[in-house]
PDB file of all heavy atoms in Angstrom:
ATOM      1  N   VAL A   1       0.833  -1.195   0.000  1.00  0.00           N
ATOM      2  CA  VAL A   1       0.000   0.000   0.000  1.00  0.00           C
ATOM      3  C   VAL A   1       0.871   1.249   0.000  1.00  0.00           C
ATOM      4  O   VAL A   1       0.617   2.212  -0.722  1.00  0.00           O
ATOM      5  CB  VAL A   1      -0.966  -0.007   1.207  1.00  0.00           C
ATOM      6  CG1 VAL A   1      -1.647   1.343   1.370  1.00  0.00           C
ATOM      7  CG2 VAL A   1      -1.997  -1.096   1.041  1.00  0.00           C
ATOM      8  N   LYS A   2       1.939   1.255   0.796  1.00  0.00           N
ATOM      9  CA  LYS A   2       2.851   2.392   0.828  1.00  0.00           C
ATOM     10  C   LYS A   2       3.507   2.613  -0.530  1.00  0.00           C
ATOM     11  O   LYS A   2       3.653   3.743  -0.992  1.00  0.00           O
ATOM     12  CB  LYS A   2       3.917   2.198   1.911  1.00  0.00           C
ATOM     13  CG  LYS A   2       3.413   2.400   3.307  1.00  0.00           C
ATOM     14  CD  LYS A   2       4.519   2.211   4.314  1.00  0.00           C
ATOM     15  CE  LYS A   2       3.991   2.317   5.732  1.00  0.00           C
ATOM     16  NZ  LYS A   2       5.029   2.066   6.721  1.00  0.00           N
ATOM     17  N   MET A   3       3.916   1.511  -1.173  1.00  0.00           N
ATOM     18  CA  MET A   3       4.553   1.619  -2.486  1.00  0.00           C
ATOM     19  C   MET A   3       3.579   2.215  -3.512  1.00  0.00           C
ATOM     20  O   MET A   3       3.920   3.133  -4.262  1.00  0.00           O
ATOM     21  CB  MET A   3       5.038   0.251  -2.962  1.00  0.00           C
ATOM     22  CG  MET A   3       5.723   0.298  -4.328  1.00  0.00           C
ATOM     23  SD  MET A   3       6.106  -1.310  -4.985  1.00  0.00           S
ATOM     24  CE  MET A   3       4.485  -1.955  -5.312  1.00  0.00           C
ATOM     25  N   LEU A   4       2.336   1.703  -3.535  1.00  0.00           N
ATOM     26  CA  LEU A   4       1.339   2.216  -4.476  1.00  0.00           C
ATOM     27  C   LEU A   4       0.966   3.663  -4.148  1.00  0.00           C
ATOM     28  O   LEU A   4       0.790   4.485  -5.050  1.00  0.00           O
ATOM     29  CB  LEU A   4       0.102   1.325  -4.478  1.00  0.00           C
ATOM     30  CG  LEU A   4       0.284  -0.036  -5.150  1.00  0.00           C
ATOM     31  CD1 LEU A   4      -0.946  -0.895  -4.933  1.00  0.00           C
ATOM     32  CD2 LEU A   4       0.549   0.126  -6.630  1.00  0.00           C
ATOM     33  N   ALA A   5       0.844   3.983  -2.880  1.00  0.00           N
ATOM     34  CA  ALA A   5       0.508   5.348  -2.485  1.00  0.00           C
ATOM     35  C   ALA A   5       1.607   6.317  -2.907  1.00  0.00           C
ATOM     36  O   ALA A   5       1.327   7.434  -3.361  1.00  0.00           O
ATOM     37  CB  ALA A   5       0.282   5.418  -0.979  1.00  0.00           C
ATOM     38  N   SER A   6       2.860   5.901  -2.777  1.00  0.00           N
ATOM     39  CA  SER A   6       3.955   6.791  -3.195  1.00  0.00           C
ATOM     40  C   SER A   6       3.946   6.994  -4.701  1.00  0.00           C
ATOM     41  O   SER A   6       4.237   8.082  -5.187  1.00  0.00           O
ATOM     42  CB  SER A   6       5.305   6.233  -2.734  1.00  0.00           C
ATOM     43  OG  SER A   6       5.607   5.045  -3.436  1.00  0.00           O
ATOM     44  N   LYS A   7       3.574   5.948  -5.442  1.00  0.00           N
ATOM     45  CA  LYS A   7       3.481   6.109  -6.906  1.00  0.00           C
ATOM     46  C   LYS A   7       2.344   7.049  -7.279  1.00  0.00           C
ATOM     47  O   LYS A   7       2.476   7.870  -8.178  1.00  0.00           O
ATOM     48  CB  LYS A   7       3.287   4.749  -7.578  1.00  0.00           C
ATOM     49  CG  LYS A   7       4.535   3.919  -7.629  1.00  0.00           C
ATOM     50  CD  LYS A   7       4.303   2.632  -8.384  1.00  0.00           C
ATOM     51  CE  LYS A   7       5.577   1.812  -8.450  1.00  0.00           C
ATOM     52  NZ  LYS A   7       5.374   0.558  -9.171  1.00  0.00           N
ATOM     53  N   ILE A   8       1.234   6.934  -6.582  1.00  0.00           N
ATOM     54  CA  ILE A   8       0.084   7.789  -6.877  1.00  0.00           C
ATOM     55  C   ILE A   8       0.390   9.231  -6.481  1.00  0.00           C
ATOM     56  O   ILE A   8       0.081  10.174  -7.201  1.00  0.00           O
ATOM     57  CB  ILE A   8      -1.172   7.277  -6.149  1.00  0.00           C
ATOM     58  CG1 ILE A   8      -1.625   5.966  -6.785  1.00  0.00           C
ATOM     59  CG2 ILE A   8      -2.291   8.303  -6.200  1.00  0.00           C
ATOM     60  CD1 ILE A   8      -2.728   5.267  -6.034  1.00  0.00           C
ATOM     61  N   ASP A   9       1.010   9.428  -5.340  1.00  0.00           N
ATOM     62  CA  ASP A   9       1.301  10.774  -4.846  1.00  0.00           C
ATOM     63  C   ASP A   9       2.390  11.484  -5.634  1.00  0.00           C
ATOM     64  O   ASP A   9       2.485  12.702  -5.604  1.00  0.00           O
ATOM     65  CB  ASP A   9       1.717  10.728  -3.374  1.00  0.00           C
ATOM     66  CG  ASP A   9       0.537  10.413  -2.472  1.00  0.00           C
ATOM     67  OD1 ASP A   9      -0.605  10.611  -2.919  1.00  0.00           O
ATOM     68  OD2 ASP A   9       0.773   9.964  -1.331  1.00  0.00           O
ATOM     69  N   SER A  10       3.225  10.734  -6.336  1.00  0.00           N
ATOM     70  CA  SER A  10       4.365  11.370  -6.992  1.00  0.00           C
ATOM     71  C   SER A  10       3.981  12.178  -8.227  1.00  0.00           C
ATOM     72  O   SER A  10       4.763  12.977  -8.710  1.00  0.00           O
ATOM     73  CB  SER A  10       5.404  10.318  -7.388  1.00  0.00           C
ATOM     74  OG  SER A  10       4.906   9.529  -8.448  1.00  0.00           O
ATOM     75  N   ASP A  11       2.776  11.971  -8.774  1.00  0.00           N
ATOM     76  CA  ASP A  11       2.321  12.658  -9.994  1.00  0.00           C
ATOM     77  C   ASP A  11       3.225  12.369 -11.180  1.00  0.00           C
ATOM     78  O   ASP A  11       3.230  13.101 -12.152  1.00  0.00           O
ATOM     79  CB  ASP A  11       2.239  14.168  -9.806  1.00  0.00           C
ATOM     80  CG  ASP A  11       1.026  14.562  -9.006  1.00  0.00           C
ATOM     81  OD1 ASP A  11       0.105  13.749  -8.858  1.00  0.00           O
ATOM     82  OD2 ASP A  11       1.002  15.701  -8.547  1.00  0.00           O
ATOM     83  N   LYS A  12       4.008  11.359 -11.081  1.00  0.00           N
ATOM     84  CA  LYS A  12       4.877  10.989 -12.189  1.00  0.00           C
ATOM     85  C   LYS A  12       4.435   9.636 -12.712  1.00  0.00           C
ATOM     86  O   LYS A  12       4.364   8.667 -11.965  1.00  0.00           O
ATOM     87  CB  LYS A  12       6.338  10.924 -11.750  1.00  0.00           C
ATOM     88  CG  LYS A  12       6.915  12.260 -11.376  1.00  0.00           C
ATOM     89  CD  LYS A  12       8.342  12.133 -10.988  1.00  0.00           C
ATOM     90  CE  LYS A  12       8.901  13.496 -10.578  1.00  0.00           C
ATOM     91  NZ  LYS A  12      10.252  13.382 -10.081  1.00  0.00           N
ATOM     92  N   GLU A  13       4.137   9.619 -13.974  1.00  0.00           N
ATOM     93  CA  GLU A  13       3.729   8.372 -14.590  1.00  0.00           C
ATOM     94  C   GLU A  13       4.976   7.690 -15.134  1.00  0.00           C
ATOM     95  O   GLU A  13       5.715   8.277 -15.906  1.00  0.00           O
ATOM     96  CB  GLU A  13       2.740   8.650 -15.722  1.00  0.00           C
ATOM     97  CG  GLU A  13       2.255   7.420 -16.412  1.00  0.00           C
ATOM     98  CD  GLU A  13       1.337   7.749 -17.562  1.00  0.00           C
ATOM     99  OE1 GLU A  13       0.815   8.867 -17.607  1.00  0.00           O
ATOM    100  OE2 GLU A  13       1.182   6.890 -18.431  1.00  0.00           O
ATOM    101  N   THR A  14       5.181   6.492 -14.704  1.00  0.00           N
ATOM    102  CA  THR A  14       6.339   5.776 -15.222  1.00  0.00           C
ATOM    103  C   THR A  14       6.008   5.289 -16.618  1.00  0.00           C
ATOM    104  O   THR A  14       4.957   4.694 -16.857  1.00  0.00           O
ATOM    105  CB  THR A  14       6.693   4.581 -14.324  1.00  0.00           C
ATOM    106  OG1 THR A  14       5.555   3.726 -14.237  1.00  0.00           O
ATOM    107  CG2 THR A  14       7.100   5.048 -12.945  1.00  0.00           C
ATOM    108  N   THR A  15       6.866   5.586 -17.525  1.00  0.00           N
ATOM    109  CA  THR A  15       6.640   5.178 -18.905  1.00  0.00           C
ATOM    110  C   THR A  15       7.836   4.393 -19.388  1.00  0.00           C
ATOM    111  O   THR A  15       8.979   4.687 -19.052  1.00  0.00           O
ATOM    112  CB  THR A  15       6.456   6.402 -19.825  1.00  0.00           C
ATOM    113  OG1 THR A  15       7.602   7.223 -19.700  1.00  0.00           O
ATOM    114  CG2 THR A  15       5.210   7.171 -19.461  1.00  0.00           C
ATOM    115  N   ILE A  16       7.529   3.408 -20.159  1.00  0.00           N
ATOM    116  CA  ILE A  16       8.580   2.615 -20.789  1.00  0.00           C
ATOM    117  C   ILE A  16       8.410   2.816 -22.282  1.00  0.00           C
ATOM    118  O   ILE A  16       7.375   2.466 -22.853  1.00  0.00           O
ATOM    119  CB  ILE A  16       8.446   1.122 -20.421  1.00  0.00           C
ATOM    120  CG1 ILE A  16       8.561   0.956 -18.907  1.00  0.00           C
ATOM    121  CG2 ILE A  16       9.484   0.304 -21.142  1.00  0.00           C
ATOM    122  CD1 ILE A  16       8.245  -0.436 -18.430  1.00  0.00           C
ATOM    123  N   LEU A  17       9.405   3.439 -22.894  1.00  0.00           N
ATOM    124  CA  LEU A  17       9.335   3.722 -24.322  1.00  0.00           C
ATOM    125  C   LEU A  17      10.306   2.828 -25.068  1.00  0.00           C
ATOM    126  O   LEU A  17      11.431   2.584 -24.615  1.00  0.00           O
ATOM    127  CB  LEU A  17       9.677   5.190 -24.589  1.00  0.00           C
ATOM    128  CG  LEU A  17       8.709   6.213 -24.014  1.00  0.00           C
ATOM    129  CD1 LEU A  17       9.218   7.611 -24.266  1.00  0.00           C
ATOM    130  CD2 LEU A  17       7.333   6.046 -24.616  1.00  0.00           C
ATOM    131  N   ASP A  18       9.850   2.406 -26.187  1.00  0.00           N
ATOM    132  CA  ASP A  18      10.681   1.592 -27.053  1.00  0.00           C
ATOM    133  C   ASP A  18      11.772   2.478 -27.656  1.00  0.00           C
ATOM    134  O   ASP A  18      11.498   3.594 -28.110  1.00  0.00           O
ATOM    135  CB  ASP A  18       9.798   0.980 -28.152  1.00  0.00           C
ATOM    136  CG  ASP A  18      10.574   0.081 -29.083  1.00  0.00           C
ATOM    137  OD1 ASP A  18      11.617  -0.454 -28.670  1.00  0.00           O
ATOM    138  OD2 ASP A  18      10.119  -0.084 -30.232  1.00  0.00           O
ATOM    139  N   GLN A  19      13.001   2.005 -27.650  1.00  0.00           N
ATOM    140  CA  GLN A  19      14.125   2.791 -28.171  1.00  0.00           C
ATOM    141  C   GLN A  19      13.909   3.125 -29.654  1.00  0.00           C
ATOM    142  O   GLN A  19      14.242   4.214 -30.104  1.00  0.00           O
ATOM    143  CB  GLN A  19      15.441   2.023 -27.973  1.00  0.00           C
ATOM    144  CG  GLN A  19      16.675   2.832 -28.315  1.00  0.00           C
ATOM    145  CD  GLN A  19      16.855   4.037 -27.400  1.00  0.00           C
ATOM    146  OE1 GLN A  19      16.389   4.040 -26.269  1.00  0.00           O
ATOM    147  NE2 GLN A  19      17.503   5.070 -27.900  1.00  0.00           N
ATOM    148  N   GLN A  20      13.332   2.210 -30.380  1.00  0.00           N
ATOM    149  CA  GLN A  20      13.078   2.436 -31.811  1.00  0.00           C
ATOM    150  C   GLN A  20      12.054   3.564 -31.985  1.00  0.00           C
ATOM    151  O   GLN A  20      12.203   4.406 -32.865  1.00  0.00           O
ATOM    152  CB  GLN A  20      12.581   1.149 -32.460  1.00  0.00           C
ATOM    153  CG  GLN A  20      12.383   1.267 -33.953  1.00  0.00           C
ATOM    154  CD  GLN A  20      11.872  -0.037 -34.562  1.00  0.00           C
ATOM    155  OE1 GLN A  20      11.544  -0.966 -33.862  1.00  0.00           O
ATOM    156  NE2 GLN A  20      11.813  -0.078 -35.875  1.00  0.00           N
ATOM    157  N   THR A  21      11.040   3.589 -31.138  1.00  0.00           N
ATOM    158  CA  THR A  21      10.033   4.651 -31.212  1.00  0.00           C
ATOM    159  C   THR A  21      10.658   6.011 -30.919  1.00  0.00           C
ATOM    160  O   THR A  21      10.367   7.002 -31.594  1.00  0.00           O
ATOM    161  CB  THR A  21       8.903   4.375 -30.203  1.00  0.00           C
ATOM    162  OG1 THR A  21       8.386   3.075 -30.439  1.00  0.00           O
ATOM    163  CG2 THR A  21       7.799   5.396 -30.318  1.00  0.00           C
ATOM    164  N   ILE A  22      11.518   6.056 -29.925  1.00  0.00           N
ATOM    165  CA  ILE A  22      12.199   7.312 -29.587  1.00  0.00           C
ATOM    166  C   ILE A  22      13.060   7.771 -30.756  1.00  0.00           C
ATOM    167  O   ILE A  22      13.067   8.951 -31.110  1.00  0.00           O
ATOM    168  CB  ILE A  22      13.056   7.126 -28.308  1.00  0.00           C
ATOM    169  CG1 ILE A  22      12.143   6.901 -27.108  1.00  0.00           C
ATOM    170  CG2 ILE A  22      13.935   8.346 -28.071  1.00  0.00           C
ATOM    171  CD1 ILE A  22      12.878   6.520 -25.851  1.00  0.00           C
ATOM    172  N   GLU A  23      13.763   6.870 -31.376  1.00  0.00           N
ATOM    173  CA  GLU A  23      14.632   7.216 -32.508  1.00  0.00           C
ATOM    174  C   GLU A  23      13.804   7.725 -33.689  1.00  0.00           C
ATOM    175  O   GLU A  23      14.164   8.709 -34.339  1.00  0.00           O
ATOM    176  CB  GLU A  23      15.463   5.989 -32.912  1.00  0.00           C
ATOM    177  CG  GLU A  23      16.551   6.284 -33.904  1.00  0.00           C
ATOM    178  CD  GLU A  23      17.616   7.235 -33.370  1.00  0.00           C
ATOM    179  OE1 GLU A  23      17.848   7.279 -32.143  1.00  0.00           O
ATOM    180  OE2 GLU A  23      18.209   7.951 -34.183  1.00  0.00           O
ATOM    181  N   GLN A  24      12.666   7.072 -33.972  1.00  0.00           N
ATOM    182  CA  GLN A  24      11.800   7.508 -35.065  1.00  0.00           C
ATOM    183  C   GLN A  24      11.246   8.910 -34.790  1.00  0.00           C
ATOM    184  O   GLN A  24      11.200   9.752 -35.685  1.00  0.00           O
ATOM    185  CB  GLN A  24      10.638   6.532 -35.252  1.00  0.00           C
ATOM    186  CG  GLN A  24      11.031   5.219 -35.895  1.00  0.00           C
ATOM    187  CD  GLN A  24       9.856   4.246 -35.955  1.00  0.00           C
ATOM    188  OE1 GLN A  24       8.806   4.496 -35.383  1.00  0.00           O
ATOM    189  NE2 GLN A  24      10.068   3.132 -36.643  1.00  0.00           N
ATOM    190  N   CYS A  25      10.859   9.159 -33.558  1.00  0.00           N
ATOM    191  CA  CYS A  25      10.345  10.480 -33.180  1.00  0.00           C
ATOM    192  C   CYS A  25      11.430  11.544 -33.350  1.00  0.00           C
ATOM    193  O   CYS A  25      11.167  12.627 -33.868  1.00  0.00           O
ATOM    194  CB  CYS A  25       9.840  10.441 -31.748  1.00  0.00           C
ATOM    195  SG  CYS A  25       9.138  11.984 -31.199  1.00  0.00           S
ATOM    196  N   ARG A  26      12.641  11.235 -32.916  1.00  0.00           N
ATOM    197  CA  ARG A  26      13.749  12.183 -33.052  1.00  0.00           C
ATOM    198  C   ARG A  26      14.015  12.492 -34.522  1.00  0.00           C
ATOM    199  O   ARG A  26      14.200  13.649 -34.906  1.00  0.00           O
ATOM    200  CB  ARG A  26      15.004  11.626 -32.388  1.00  0.00           C
ATOM    201  CG  ARG A  26      16.148  12.631 -32.304  1.00  0.00           C
ATOM    202  CD  ARG A  26      17.410  12.010 -31.745  1.00  0.00           C
ATOM    203  NE  ARG A  26      17.894  10.905 -32.546  1.00  0.00           N
ATOM    204  CZ  ARG A  26      18.560  11.032 -33.714  1.00  0.00           C
ATOM    205  NH1 ARG A  26      18.807  12.213 -34.192  1.00  0.00           N
ATOM    206  NH2 ARG A  26      18.967   9.968 -34.375  1.00  0.00           N
ATOM    207  N   ILE A  27      14.002  11.462 -35.362  1.00  0.00           N
ATOM    208  CA  ILE A  27      14.242  11.657 -36.801  1.00  0.00           C
ATOM    209  C   ILE A  27      13.143  12.524 -37.406  1.00  0.00           C
ATOM    210  O   ILE A  27      13.410  13.437 -38.192  1.00  0.00           O
ATOM    211  CB  ILE A  27      14.359  10.295 -37.513  1.00  0.00           C
ATOM    212  CG1 ILE A  27      15.663   9.595 -37.101  1.00  0.00           C
ATOM    213  CG2 ILE A  27      14.291  10.464 -39.023  1.00  0.00           C
ATOM    214  CD1 ILE A  27      15.759   8.156 -37.573  1.00  0.00           C
ATOM    215  N   LYS A  28      11.885  12.254 -37.023  1.00  0.00           N
ATOM    216  CA  LYS A  28      10.776  13.059 -37.540  1.00  0.00           C
ATOM    217  C   LYS A  28      10.903  14.510 -37.108  1.00  0.00           C
ATOM    218  O   LYS A  28      10.635  15.431 -37.880  1.00  0.00           O
ATOM    219  CB  LYS A  28       9.442  12.492 -37.072  1.00  0.00           C
ATOM    220  CG  LYS A  28       9.031  11.239 -37.800  1.00  0.00           C
ATOM    221  CD  LYS A  28       7.699  10.737 -37.303  1.00  0.00           C
ATOM    222  CE  LYS A  28       7.317   9.435 -37.989  1.00  0.00           C
ATOM    223  NZ  LYS A  28       6.054   8.901 -37.465  1.00  0.00           N
ATOM    224  N   LEU A  29      11.310  14.728 -35.864  1.00  0.00           N
ATOM    225  CA  LEU A  29      11.483  16.102 -35.391  1.00  0.00           C
ATOM    226  C   LEU A  29      12.598  16.815 -36.140  1.00  0.00           C
ATOM    227  O   LEU A  29      12.480  17.993 -36.473  1.00  0.00           O
ATOM    228  CB  LEU A  29      11.780  16.113 -33.892  1.00  0.00           C
ATOM    229  CG  LEU A  29      10.586  15.898 -32.981  1.00  0.00           C
ATOM    230  CD1 LEU A  29      11.051  15.780 -31.539  1.00  0.00           C
ATOM    231  CD2 LEU A  29       9.591  17.022 -33.110  1.00  0.00           C
TER     232      LEU A  29
END
């Protein structure tokens, strides 16, 4: 419960992005 509460309170969404997706986005930019 403490772990989940800290995740909820942090206002930070953990995201896992594919390296290929990041590279494609950078190239498009």
